[in-house]
Amino acid sequence: MRKQFIDELPSSWVKRARVLHALGDETRQRILLLFEPGEELSIKDIADMFPFSRTNIAHHIGVLEKAGILIRHKKGRDVLLRLEKNAITDALENVLIYVRTEA
């Protein structure tokens, strides 16, 4: 048993944990599924699709941004979000490597 990880995740797992946490919520999964390949959406675009408050959607978007799954950038006066698929694939690939070699 590896007791050294009881109190704290190894630093190499922190980013993976953020991605897995972000993907663990159905609303956040539905937000990700809104994006067409290469598409950029505003928070308003996303919020208009859900029956939730804008504050609630902003919270979910914040979790996805913190995980590196959504990237925010300005285009003129608009703030747009784009999907960063590599954040998801990197985290999942590293989990698979762990499962295949360590578990």
PDB file of N, CA and C in Angstrom:
ATOM      1  N   MET A   1       0.845  -1.173   0.000  1.00  0.00           N
ATOM      2  CA  MET A   1       0.000   0.000   0.000  1.00  0.00           C
ATOM      3  C   MET A   1       0.894   1.241   0.000  1.00  0.00           C
ATOM      4  N   ARG A   2       0.544   2.212  -0.838  1.00  0.00           N
ATOM      5  CA  ARG A   2       1.323   3.452  -0.945  1.00  0.00           C
ATOM      6  C   ARG A   2       0.706   4.520  -0.044  1.00  0.00           C
ATOM      7  N   LYS A   3       1.130   4.583   1.176  1.00  0.00           N
ATOM      8  CA  LYS A   3       0.554   5.506   2.148  1.00  0.00           C
ATOM      9  C   LYS A   3       0.998   6.949   1.954  1.00  0.00           C
ATOM     10  N   GLN A   4       2.032   7.183   1.162  1.00  0.00           N
ATOM     11  CA  GLN A   4       2.556   8.537   0.998  1.00  0.00           C
ATOM     12  C   GLN A   4       1.574   9.466   0.281  1.00  0.00           C
ATOM     13  N   PHE A   5       0.544   8.915  -0.347  1.00  0.00           N
ATOM     14  CA  PHE A   5      -0.406   9.749  -1.092  1.00  0.00           C
ATOM     15  C   PHE A   5      -1.711   9.990  -0.338  1.00  0.00           C
ATOM     16  N   ILE A   6      -1.783   9.565   0.903  1.00  0.00           N
ATOM     17  CA  ILE A   6      -2.996   9.744   1.705  1.00  0.00           C
ATOM     18  C   ILE A   6      -3.291  11.228   1.918  1.00  0.00           C
ATOM     19  N   ASP A   7      -2.297  12.014   2.228  1.00  0.00           N
ATOM     20  CA  ASP A   7      -2.511  13.420   2.564  1.00  0.00           C
ATOM     21  C   ASP A   7      -2.443  14.373   1.372  1.00  0.00           C
ATOM     22  N   GLU A   8      -1.762  13.977   0.321  1.00  0.00           N
ATOM     23  CA  GLU A   8      -1.563  14.903  -0.794  1.00  0.00           C
ATOM     24  C   GLU A   8      -1.300  14.139  -2.084  1.00  0.00           C
ATOM     25  N   LEU A   9      -1.881  14.645  -3.161  1.00  0.00           N
ATOM     26  CA  LEU A   9      -1.609  14.063  -4.470  1.00  0.00           C
ATOM     27  C   LEU A   9      -0.181  14.379  -4.888  1.00  0.00           C
ATOM     28  N   PRO A  10       0.449  13.487  -5.641  1.00  0.00           N
ATOM     29  CA  PRO A  10       1.743  13.848  -6.218  1.00  0.00           C
ATOM     30  C   PRO A  10       1.543  15.019  -7.175  1.00  0.00           C
ATOM     31  N   SER A  11       2.534  15.869  -7.299  1.00  0.00           N
ATOM     32  CA  SER A  11       2.393  17.061  -8.143  1.00  0.00           C
ATOM     33  C   SER A  11       2.032  16.705  -9.584  1.00  0.00           C
ATOM     34  N   SER A  12       2.484  15.562 -10.063  1.00  0.00           N
ATOM     35  CA  SER A  12       2.175  15.157 -11.436  1.00  0.00           C
ATOM     36  C   SER A  12       0.690  14.831 -11.624  1.00  0.00           C
ATOM     37  N   TRP A  13      -0.040  14.617 -10.541  1.00  0.00           N
ATOM     38  CA  TRP A  13      -1.466  14.273 -10.627  1.00  0.00           C
ATOM     39  C   TRP A  13      -2.391  15.467 -10.430  1.00  0.00           C
ATOM     40  N   VAL A  14      -1.892  16.605  -9.991  1.00  0.00           N
ATOM     41  CA  VAL A  14      -2.752  17.748  -9.669  1.00  0.00           C
ATOM     42  C   VAL A  14      -3.536  18.204 -10.900  1.00  0.00           C
ATOM     43  N   LYS A  15      -2.858  18.365 -12.023  1.00  0.00           N
ATOM     44  CA  LYS A  15      -3.541  18.796 -13.241  1.00  0.00           C
ATOM     45  C   LYS A  15      -4.542  17.740 -13.706  1.00  0.00           C
ATOM     46  N   ARG A  16      -4.173  16.483 -13.629  1.00  0.00           N
ATOM     47  CA  ARG A  16      -5.090  15.394 -13.999  1.00  0.00           C
ATOM     48  C   ARG A  16      -6.335  15.429 -13.123  1.00  0.00           C
ATOM     49  N   ALA A  17      -6.138  15.670 -11.845  1.00  0.00           N
ATOM     50  CA  ALA A  17      -7.263  15.709 -10.908  1.00  0.00           C
ATOM     51  C   ALA A  17      -8.227  16.833 -11.266  1.00  0.00           C
ATOM     52  N   ARG A  18      -7.698  17.990 -11.671  1.00  0.00           N
ATOM     53  CA  ARG A  18      -8.563  19.105 -12.076  1.00  0.00           C
ATOM     54  C   ARG A  18      -9.402  18.732 -13.298  1.00  0.00           C
ATOM     55  N   VAL A  19      -8.773  18.078 -14.263  1.00  0.00           N
ATOM     56  CA  VAL A  19      -9.490  17.669 -15.473  1.00  0.00           C
ATOM     57  C   VAL A  19     -10.558  16.641 -15.126  1.00  0.00           C
ATOM     58  N   LEU A  20     -10.193  15.641 -14.339  1.00  0.00           N
ATOM     59  CA  LEU A  20     -11.163  14.604 -13.968  1.00  0.00           C
ATOM     60  C   LEU A  20     -12.317  15.191 -13.161  1.00  0.00           C
ATOM     61  N   HIS A  21     -12.019  16.114 -12.263  1.00  0.00           N
ATOM     62  CA  HIS A  21     -13.067  16.786 -11.489  1.00  0.00           C
ATOM     63  C   HIS A  21     -13.995  17.554 -12.428  1.00  0.00           C
ATOM     64  N   ALA A  22     -13.414  18.294 -13.356  1.00  0.00           N
ATOM     65  CA  ALA A  22     -14.220  19.088 -14.293  1.00  0.00           C
ATOM     66  C   ALA A  22     -15.115  18.196 -15.142  1.00  0.00           C
ATOM     67  N   LEU A  23     -14.603  17.063 -15.559  1.00  0.00           N
ATOM     68  CA  LEU A  23     -15.374  16.156 -16.403  1.00  0.00           C
ATOM     69  C   LEU A  23     -16.414  15.355 -15.617  1.00  0.00           C
ATOM     70  N   GLY A  24     -16.321  15.379 -14.297  1.00  0.00           N
ATOM     71  CA  GLY A  24     -17.213  14.588 -13.464  1.00  0.00           C
ATOM     72  C   GLY A  24     -18.595  15.181 -13.267  1.00  0.00           C
ATOM     73  N   ASP A  25     -18.861  16.331 -13.848  1.00  0.00           N
ATOM     74  CA  ASP A  25     -20.144  17.000 -13.666  1.00  0.00           C
ATOM     75  C   ASP A  25     -20.914  16.995 -14.987  1.00  0.00           C
ATOM     76  N   GLU A  26     -22.180  16.589 -14.935  1.00  0.00           N
ATOM     77  CA  GLU A  26     -22.984  16.480 -16.157  1.00  0.00           C
ATOM     78  C   GLU A  26     -23.165  17.831 -16.856  1.00  0.00           C
ATOM     79  N   THR A  27     -23.375  18.895 -16.105  1.00  0.00           N
ATOM     80  CA  THR A  27     -23.545  20.215 -16.728  1.00  0.00           C
ATOM     81  C   THR A  27     -22.282  20.610 -17.479  1.00  0.00           C
ATOM     82  N   ARG A  28     -21.120  20.374 -16.890  1.00  0.00           N
ATOM     83  CA  ARG A  28     -19.869  20.713 -17.578  1.00  0.00           C
ATOM     84  C   ARG A  28     -19.663  19.848 -18.818  1.00  0.00           C
ATOM     85  N   GLN A  29     -20.072  18.598 -18.754  1.00  0.00           N
ATOM     86  CA  GLN A  29     -19.994  17.740 -19.941  1.00  0.00           C
ATOM     87  C   GLN A  29     -20.901  18.286 -21.041  1.00  0.00           C
ATOM     88  N   ARG A  30     -22.098  18.728 -20.664  1.00  0.00           N
ATOM     89  CA  ARG A  30     -23.030  19.288 -21.645  1.00  0.00           C
ATOM     90  C   ARG A  30     -22.472  20.581 -22.246  1.00  0.00           C
ATOM     91  N   ILE A  31     -21.794  21.390 -21.438  1.00  0.00           N
ATOM     92  CA  ILE A  31     -21.158  22.603 -21.962  1.00  0.00           C
ATOM     93  C   ILE A  31     -20.120  22.228 -23.017  1.00  0.00           C
ATOM     94  N   LEU A  32     -19.292  21.240 -22.732  1.00  0.00           N
ATOM     95  CA  LEU A  32     -18.260  20.826 -23.688  1.00  0.00           C
ATOM     96  C   LEU A  32     -18.872  20.323 -24.986  1.00  0.00           C
ATOM     97  N   LEU A  33     -19.988  19.627 -24.876  1.00  0.00           N
ATOM     98  CA  LEU A  33     -20.626  19.065 -26.064  1.00  0.00           C
ATOM     99  C   LEU A  33     -21.269  20.124 -26.956  1.00  0.00           C
ATOM    100  N   LEU A  34     -21.405  21.350 -26.458  1.00  0.00           N
ATOM    101  CA  LEU A  34     -21.932  22.438 -27.282  1.00  0.00           C
ATOM    102  C   LEU A  34     -20.973  22.836 -28.401  1.00  0.00           C
ATOM    103  N   PHE A  35     -19.678  22.657 -28.172  1.00  0.00           N
ATOM    104  CA  PHE A  35     -18.663  23.144 -29.099  1.00  0.00           C
ATOM    105  C   PHE A  35     -18.559  22.257 -30.339  1.00  0.00           C
ATOM    106  N   GLU A  36     -18.729  22.892 -31.503  1.00  0.00           N
ATOM    107  CA  GLU A  36     -18.410  22.237 -32.775  1.00  0.00           C
ATOM    108  C   GLU A  36     -16.889  22.265 -32.913  1.00  0.00           C
ATOM    109  N   PRO A  37     -16.295  21.383 -33.726  1.00  0.00           N
ATOM    110  CA  PRO A  37     -14.847  21.421 -33.912  1.00  0.00           C
ATOM    111  C   PRO A  37     -14.373  22.814 -34.344  1.00  0.00           C
ATOM    112  N   GLY A  38     -13.414  23.351 -33.615  1.00  0.00           N
ATOM    113  CA  GLY A  38     -12.832  24.650 -33.925  1.00  0.00           C
ATOM    114  C   GLY A  38     -13.696  25.849 -33.562  1.00  0.00           C
ATOM    115  N   GLU A  39     -14.851  25.621 -32.989  1.00  0.00           N
ATOM    116  CA  GLU A  39     -15.777  26.714 -32.679  1.00  0.00           C
ATOM    117  C   GLU A  39     -15.377  27.451 -31.411  1.00  0.00           C
ATOM    118  N   GLU A  40     -15.677  28.741 -31.379  1.00  0.00           N
ATOM    119  CA  GLU A  40     -15.490  29.574 -30.204  1.00  0.00           C
ATOM    120  C   GLU A  40     -16.867  30.084 -29.778  1.00  0.00           C
ATOM    121  N   LEU A  41     -17.134  30.058 -28.477  1.00  0.00           N
ATOM    122  CA  LEU A  41     -18.417  30.508 -27.942  1.00  0.00           C
ATOM    123  C   LEU A  41     -18.191  31.518 -26.833  1.00  0.00           C
ATOM    124  N   SER A  42     -19.119  32.438 -26.691  1.00  0.00           N
ATOM    125  CA  SER A  42     -19.071  33.379 -25.573  1.00  0.00           C
ATOM    126  C   SER A  42     -19.813  32.773 -24.389  1.00  0.00           C
ATOM    127  N   ILE A  43     -19.583  33.338 -23.212  1.00  0.00           N
ATOM    128  CA  ILE A  43     -20.315  32.888 -22.032  1.00  0.00           C
ATOM    129  C   ILE A  43     -21.808  33.093 -22.257  1.00  0.00           C
ATOM    130  N   LYS A  44     -22.176  34.176 -22.907  1.00  0.00           N
ATOM    131  CA  LYS A  44     -23.586  34.434 -23.204  1.00  0.00           C
ATOM    132  C   LYS A  44     -24.154  33.342 -24.108  1.00  0.00           C
ATOM    133  N   ASP A  45     -23.392  32.957 -25.152  1.00  0.00           N
ATOM    134  CA  ASP A  45     -23.833  31.874 -26.040  1.00  0.00           C
ATOM    135  C   ASP A  45     -24.159  30.622 -25.233  1.00  0.00           C
ATOM    136  N   ILE A  46     -23.281  30.302 -24.301  1.00  0.00           N
ATOM    137  CA  ILE A  46     -23.445  29.096 -23.491  1.00  0.00           C
ATOM    138  C   ILE A  46     -24.592  29.270 -22.503  1.00  0.00           C
ATOM    139  N   ALA A  47     -24.609  30.390 -21.803  1.00  0.00           N
ATOM    140  CA  ALA A  47     -25.643  30.631 -20.785  1.00  0.00           C
ATOM    141  C   ALA A  47     -27.037  30.604 -21.394  1.00  0.00           C
ATOM    142  N   ASP A  48     -27.180  31.095 -22.609  1.00  0.00           N
ATOM    143  CA  ASP A  48     -28.491  31.117 -23.268  1.00  0.00           C
ATOM    144  C   ASP A  48     -29.034  29.723 -23.554  1.00  0.00           C
ATOM    145  N   MET A  49     -28.177  28.726 -23.537  1.00  0.00           N
ATOM    146  CA  MET A  49     -28.602  27.350 -23.830  1.00  0.00           C
ATOM    147  C   MET A  49     -29.130  26.608 -22.598  1.00  0.00           C
ATOM    148  N   PHE A  50     -28.906  27.158 -21.412  1.00  0.00           N
ATOM    149  CA  PHE A  50     -29.255  26.460 -20.179  1.00  0.00           C
ATOM    150  C   PHE A  50     -30.298  27.233 -19.376  1.00  0.00           C
ATOM    151  N   PRO A  51     -31.108  26.515 -18.594  1.00  0.00           N
ATOM    152  CA  PRO A  51     -32.104  27.189 -17.744  1.00  0.00           C
ATOM    153  C   PRO A  51     -31.522  27.622 -16.397  1.00  0.00           C
ATOM    154  N   PHE A  52     -30.222  27.781 -16.322  1.00  0.00           N
ATOM    155  CA  PHE A  52     -29.552  28.163 -15.082  1.00  0.00           C
ATOM    156  C   PHE A  52     -29.210  29.642 -15.107  1.00  0.00           C
ATOM    157  N   SER A  53     -28.867  30.186 -13.959  1.00  0.00           N
ATOM    158  CA  SER A  53     -28.432  31.579 -13.897  1.00  0.00           C
ATOM    159  C   SER A  53     -27.069  31.717 -14.589  1.00  0.00           C
ATOM    160  N   ARG A  54     -26.800  32.916 -15.014  1.00  0.00           N
ATOM    161  CA  ARG A  54     -25.497  33.192 -15.632  1.00  0.00           C
ATOM    162  C   ARG A  54     -24.367  32.952 -14.637  1.00  0.00           C
ATOM    163  N   THR A  55     -24.624  33.236 -13.365  1.00  0.00           N
ATOM    164  CA  THR A  55     -23.626  32.996 -12.317  1.00  0.00           C
ATOM    165  C   THR A  55     -23.296  31.508 -12.218  1.00  0.00           C
ATOM    166  N   ASN A  56     -24.321  30.666 -12.296  1.00  0.00           N
ATOM    167  CA  ASN A  56     -24.116  29.221 -12.231  1.00  0.00           C
ATOM    168  C   ASN A  56     -23.284  28.748 -13.415  1.00  0.00           C
ATOM    169  N   ILE A  57     -23.616  29.220 -14.604  1.00  0.00           N
ATOM    170  CA  ILE A  57     -22.858  28.825 -15.801  1.00  0.00           C
ATOM    171  C   ILE A  57     -21.431  29.349 -15.707  1.00  0.00           C
ATOM    172  N   ALA A  58     -21.257  30.582 -15.218  1.00  0.00           N
ATOM    173  CA  ALA A  58     -19.909  31.146 -15.067  1.00  0.00           C
ATOM    174  C   ALA A  58     -19.072  30.289 -14.119  1.00  0.00           C
ATOM    175  N   HIS A  59     -19.692  29.752 -13.071  1.00  0.00           N
ATOM    176  CA  HIS A  59     -18.985  28.859 -12.144  1.00  0.00           C
ATOM    177  C   HIS A  59     -18.481  27.620 -12.891  1.00  0.00           C
ATOM    178  N   HIS A  60     -19.360  26.984 -13.655  1.00  0.00           N
ATOM    179  CA  HIS A  60     -18.976  25.779 -14.390  1.00  0.00           C
ATOM    180  C   HIS A  60     -17.882  26.076 -15.414  1.00  0.00           C
ATOM    181  N   ILE A  61     -17.997  27.207 -16.085  1.00  0.00           N
ATOM    182  CA  ILE A  61     -16.967  27.601 -17.045  1.00  0.00           C
ATOM    183  C   ILE A  61     -15.639  27.845 -16.328  1.00  0.00           C
ATOM    184  N   GLY A  62     -15.697  28.441 -15.140  1.00  0.00           N
ATOM    185  CA  GLY A  62     -14.489  28.665 -14.352  1.00  0.00           C
ATOM    186  C   GLY A  62     -13.780  27.370 -13.993  1.00  0.00           C
ATOM    187  N   VAL A  63     -14.554  26.353 -13.630  1.00  0.00           N
ATOM    188  CA  VAL A  63     -13.962  25.042 -13.316  1.00  0.00           C
ATOM    189  C   VAL A  63     -13.286  24.466 -14.561  1.00  0.00           C
ATOM    190  N   LEU A  64     -13.952  24.583 -15.707  1.00  0.00           N
ATOM    191  CA  LEU A  64     -13.368  24.082 -16.957  1.00  0.00           C
ATOM    192  C   LEU A  64     -12.119  24.863 -17.354  1.00  0.00           C
ATOM    193  N   GLU A  65     -12.120  26.170 -17.094  1.00  0.00           N
ATOM    194  CA  GLU A  65     -10.930  26.985 -17.384  1.00  0.00           C
ATOM    195  C   GLU A  65      -9.783  26.617 -16.452  1.00  0.00           C
ATOM    196  N   LYS A  66     -10.074  26.455 -15.182  1.00  0.00           N
ATOM    197  CA  LYS A  66      -9.031  26.104 -14.210  1.00  0.00           C
ATOM    198  C   LYS A  66      -8.369  24.777 -14.574  1.00  0.00           C
ATOM    199  N   ALA A  67      -9.164  23.876 -15.146  1.00  0.00           N
ATOM    200  CA  ALA A  67      -8.631  22.582 -15.574  1.00  0.00           C
ATOM    201  C   ALA A  67      -7.879  22.672 -16.896  1.00  0.00           C
ATOM    202  N   GLY A  68      -7.955  23.831 -17.561  1.00  0.00           N
ATOM    203  CA  GLY A  68      -7.291  23.999 -18.846  1.00  0.00           C
ATOM    204  C   GLY A  68      -8.084  23.458 -20.019  1.00  0.00           C
ATOM    205  N   ILE A  69      -9.343  23.087 -19.783  1.00  0.00           N
ATOM    206  CA  ILE A  69     -10.177  22.505 -20.832  1.00  0.00           C
ATOM    207  C   ILE A  69     -10.780  23.582 -21.722  1.00  0.00           C
ATOM    208  N   LEU A  70     -11.124  24.719 -21.140  1.00  0.00           N
ATOM    209  CA  LEU A  70     -11.582  25.862 -21.916  1.00  0.00           C
ATOM    210  C   LEU A  70     -10.555  26.971 -21.801  1.00  0.00           C
ATOM    211  N   ILE A  71     -10.265  27.611 -22.917  1.00  0.00           N
ATOM    212  CA  ILE A  71      -9.311  28.711 -22.972  1.00  0.00           C
ATOM    213  C   ILE A  71     -10.083  29.975 -23.349  1.00  0.00           C
ATOM    214  N   ARG A  72      -9.883  31.020 -22.565  1.00  0.00           N
ATOM    215  CA  ARG A  72     -10.558  32.306 -22.781  1.00  0.00           C
ATOM    216  C   ARG A  72      -9.614  33.251 -23.517  1.00  0.00           C
ATOM    217  N   HIS A  73     -10.168  33.972 -24.486  1.00  0.00           N
ATOM    218  CA  HIS A  73      -9.383  35.020 -25.136  1.00  0.00           C
ATOM    219  C   HIS A  73     -10.329  36.111 -25.617  1.00  0.00           C
ATOM    220  N   LYS A  74      -9.762  37.292 -25.802  1.00  0.00           N
ATOM    221  CA  LYS A  74     -10.560  38.434 -26.256  1.00  0.00           C
ATOM    222  C   LYS A  74     -10.460  38.563 -27.767  1.00  0.00           C
ATOM    223  N   LYS A  75     -11.592  38.884 -28.354  1.00  0.00           N
ATOM    224  CA  LYS A  75     -11.662  39.164 -29.783  1.00  0.00           C
ATOM    225  C   LYS A  75     -12.466  40.450 -29.909  1.00  0.00           C
ATOM    226  N   GLY A  76     -11.745  41.554 -30.063  1.00  0.00           N
ATOM    227  CA  GLY A  76     -12.412  42.847 -30.024  1.00  0.00           C
ATOM    228  C   GLY A  76     -12.940  43.091 -28.620  1.00  0.00           C
ATOM    229  N   ARG A  77     -14.218  43.359 -28.520  1.00  0.00           N
ATOM    230  CA  ARG A  77     -14.837  43.571 -27.201  1.00  0.00           C
ATOM    231  C   ARG A  77     -15.392  42.283 -26.598  1.00  0.00           C
ATOM    232  N   ASP A  78     -15.398  41.215 -27.384  1.00  0.00           N
ATOM    233  CA  ASP A  78     -15.975  39.951 -26.930  1.00  0.00           C
ATOM    234  C   ASP A  78     -14.932  39.070 -26.248  1.00  0.00           C
ATOM    235  N   VAL A  79     -15.381  38.324 -25.266  1.00  0.00           N
ATOM    236  CA  VAL A  79     -14.563  37.291 -24.639  1.00  0.00           C
ATOM    237  C   VAL A  79     -15.095  35.956 -25.141  1.00  0.00           C
ATOM    238  N   LEU A  80     -14.225  35.211 -25.795  1.00  0.00           N
ATOM    239  CA  LEU A  80     -14.626  33.932 -26.371  1.00  0.00           C
ATOM    240  C   LEU A  80     -13.903  32.782 -25.691  1.00  0.00           C
ATOM    241  N   LEU A  81     -14.535  31.626 -25.729  1.00  0.00           N
ATOM    242  CA  LEU A  81     -13.974  30.408 -25.164  1.00  0.00           C
ATOM    243  C   LEU A  81     -13.782  29.391 -26.274  1.00  0.00           C
ATOM    244  N   ARG A  82     -12.688  28.662 -26.177  1.00  0.00           N
ATOM    245  CA  ARG A  82     -12.465  27.565 -27.118  1.00  0.00           C
ATOM    246  C   ARG A  82     -12.080  26.324 -26.336  1.00  0.00           C
ATOM    247  N   LEU A  83     -12.410  25.203 -26.897  1.00  0.00           N
ATOM    248  CA  LEU A  83     -12.125  23.918 -26.280  1.00  0.00           C
ATOM    249  C   LEU A  83     -10.668  23.542 -26.514  1.00  0.00           C
ATOM    250  N   GLU A  84      -9.991  23.155 -25.448  1.00  0.00           N
ATOM    251  CA  GLU A  84      -8.599  22.693 -25.528  1.00  0.00           C
ATOM    252  C   GLU A  84      -8.607  21.182 -25.308  1.00  0.00           C
ATOM    253  N   LYS A  85      -8.788  20.447 -26.397  1.00  0.00           N
ATOM    254  CA  LYS A  85      -8.922  18.987 -26.312  1.00  0.00           C
ATOM    255  C   LYS A  85      -7.678  18.321 -25.741  1.00  0.00           C
ATOM    256  N   ASN A  86      -6.507  18.911 -25.961  1.00  0.00           N
ATOM    257  CA  ASN A  86      -5.270  18.303 -25.468  1.00  0.00           C
ATOM    258  C   ASN A  86      -5.263  18.178 -23.951  1.00  0.00           C
ATOM    259  N   ALA A  87      -5.902  19.101 -23.245  1.00  0.00           N
ATOM    260  CA  ALA A  87      -5.956  19.005 -21.786  1.00  0.00           C
ATOM    261  C   ALA A  87      -6.677  17.732 -21.361  1.00  0.00           C
ATOM    262  N   ILE A  88      -7.739  17.407 -22.092  1.00  0.00           N
ATOM    263  CA  ILE A  88      -8.506  16.199 -21.775  1.00  0.00           C
ATOM    264  C   ILE A  88      -7.729  14.953 -22.169  1.00  0.00           C
ATOM    265  N   THR A  89      -7.226  14.932 -23.399  1.00  0.00           N
ATOM    266  CA  THR A  89      -6.530  13.731 -23.856  1.00  0.00           C
ATOM    267  C   THR A  89      -5.266  13.459 -23.046  1.00  0.00           C
ATOM    268  N   ASP A  90      -4.518  14.508 -22.685  1.00  0.00           N
ATOM    269  CA  ASP A  90      -3.312  14.311 -21.874  1.00  0.00           C
ATOM    270  C   ASP A  90      -3.647  13.685 -20.526  1.00  0.00           C
ATOM    271  N   ALA A  91      -4.679  14.213 -19.868  1.00  0.00           N
ATOM    272  CA  ALA A  91      -5.054  13.682 -18.554  1.00  0.00           C
ATOM    273  C   ALA A  91      -5.504  12.231 -18.667  1.00  0.00           C
ATOM    274  N   LEU A  92      -6.359  11.943 -19.630  1.00  0.00           N
ATOM    275  CA  LEU A  92      -6.874  10.575 -19.771  1.00  0.00           C
ATOM    276  C   LEU A  92      -5.786   9.599 -20.188  1.00  0.00           C
ATOM    277  N   GLU A  93      -4.895  10.025 -21.073  1.00  0.00           N
ATOM    278  CA  GLU A  93      -3.791   9.154 -21.473  1.00  0.00           C
ATOM    279  C   GLU A  93      -2.882   8.835 -20.297  1.00  0.00           C
ATOM    280  N   ASN A  94      -2.611   9.827 -19.449  1.00  0.00           N
ATOM    281  CA  ASN A  94      -1.765   9.585 -18.281  1.00  0.00           C
ATOM    282  C   ASN A  94      -2.442   8.671 -17.265  1.00  0.00           C
ATOM    283  N   VAL A  95      -3.736   8.783 -17.119  1.00  0.00           N
ATOM    284  CA  VAL A  95      -4.467   7.867 -16.234  1.00  0.00           C
ATOM    285  C   VAL A  95      -4.395   6.450 -16.803  1.00  0.00           C
ATOM    286  N   LEU A  96      -4.571   6.314 -18.105  1.00  0.00           N
ATOM    287  CA  LEU A  96      -4.481   4.992 -18.735  1.00  0.00           C
ATOM    288  C   LEU A  96      -3.090   4.385 -18.562  1.00  0.00           C
ATOM    289  N   ILE A  97      -2.059   5.208 -18.718  1.00  0.00           N
ATOM    290  CA  ILE A  97      -0.690   4.712 -18.525  1.00  0.00           C
ATOM    291  C   ILE A  97      -0.536   4.202 -17.088  1.00  0.00           C
ATOM    292  N   TYR A  98      -1.042   4.947 -16.127  1.00  0.00           N
ATOM    293  CA  TYR A  98      -0.967   4.518 -14.734  1.00  0.00           C
ATOM    294  C   TYR A  98      -1.692   3.184 -14.552  1.00  0.00           C
ATOM    295  N   VAL A  99      -2.895   3.085 -15.060  1.00  0.00           N
ATOM    296  CA  VAL A  99      -3.700   1.880 -14.879  1.00  0.00           C
ATOM    297  C   VAL A  99      -3.011   0.679 -15.516  1.00  0.00           C
ATOM    298  N   ARG A 100      -2.431   0.889 -16.682  1.00  0.00           N
ATOM    299  CA  ARG A 100      -1.791  -0.226 -17.391  1.00  0.00           C
ATOM    300  C   ARG A 100      -0.477  -0.657 -16.763  1.00  0.00           C
ATOM    301  N   THR A 101       0.253   0.272 -16.134  1.00  0.00           N
ATOM    302  CA  THR A 101       1.582  -0.082 -15.627  1.00  0.00           C
ATOM    303  C   THR A 101       1.657  -0.225 -14.114  1.00  0.00           C
ATOM    304  N   GLU A 102       0.847   0.530 -13.386  1.00  0.00           N
ATOM    305  CA  GLU A 102       0.977   0.568 -11.930  1.00  0.00           C
ATOM    306  C   GLU A 102      -0.090  -0.239 -11.201  1.00  0.00           C
ATOM    307  N   ALA A 103      -1.272  -0.270 -11.750  1.00  0.00           N
ATOM    308  CA  ALA A 103      -2.383  -0.876 -11.013  1.00  0.00           C
ATOM    309  C   ALA A 103      -2.419  -2.379 -11.187  1.00  0.00           C
TER     310      ALA A 103
END
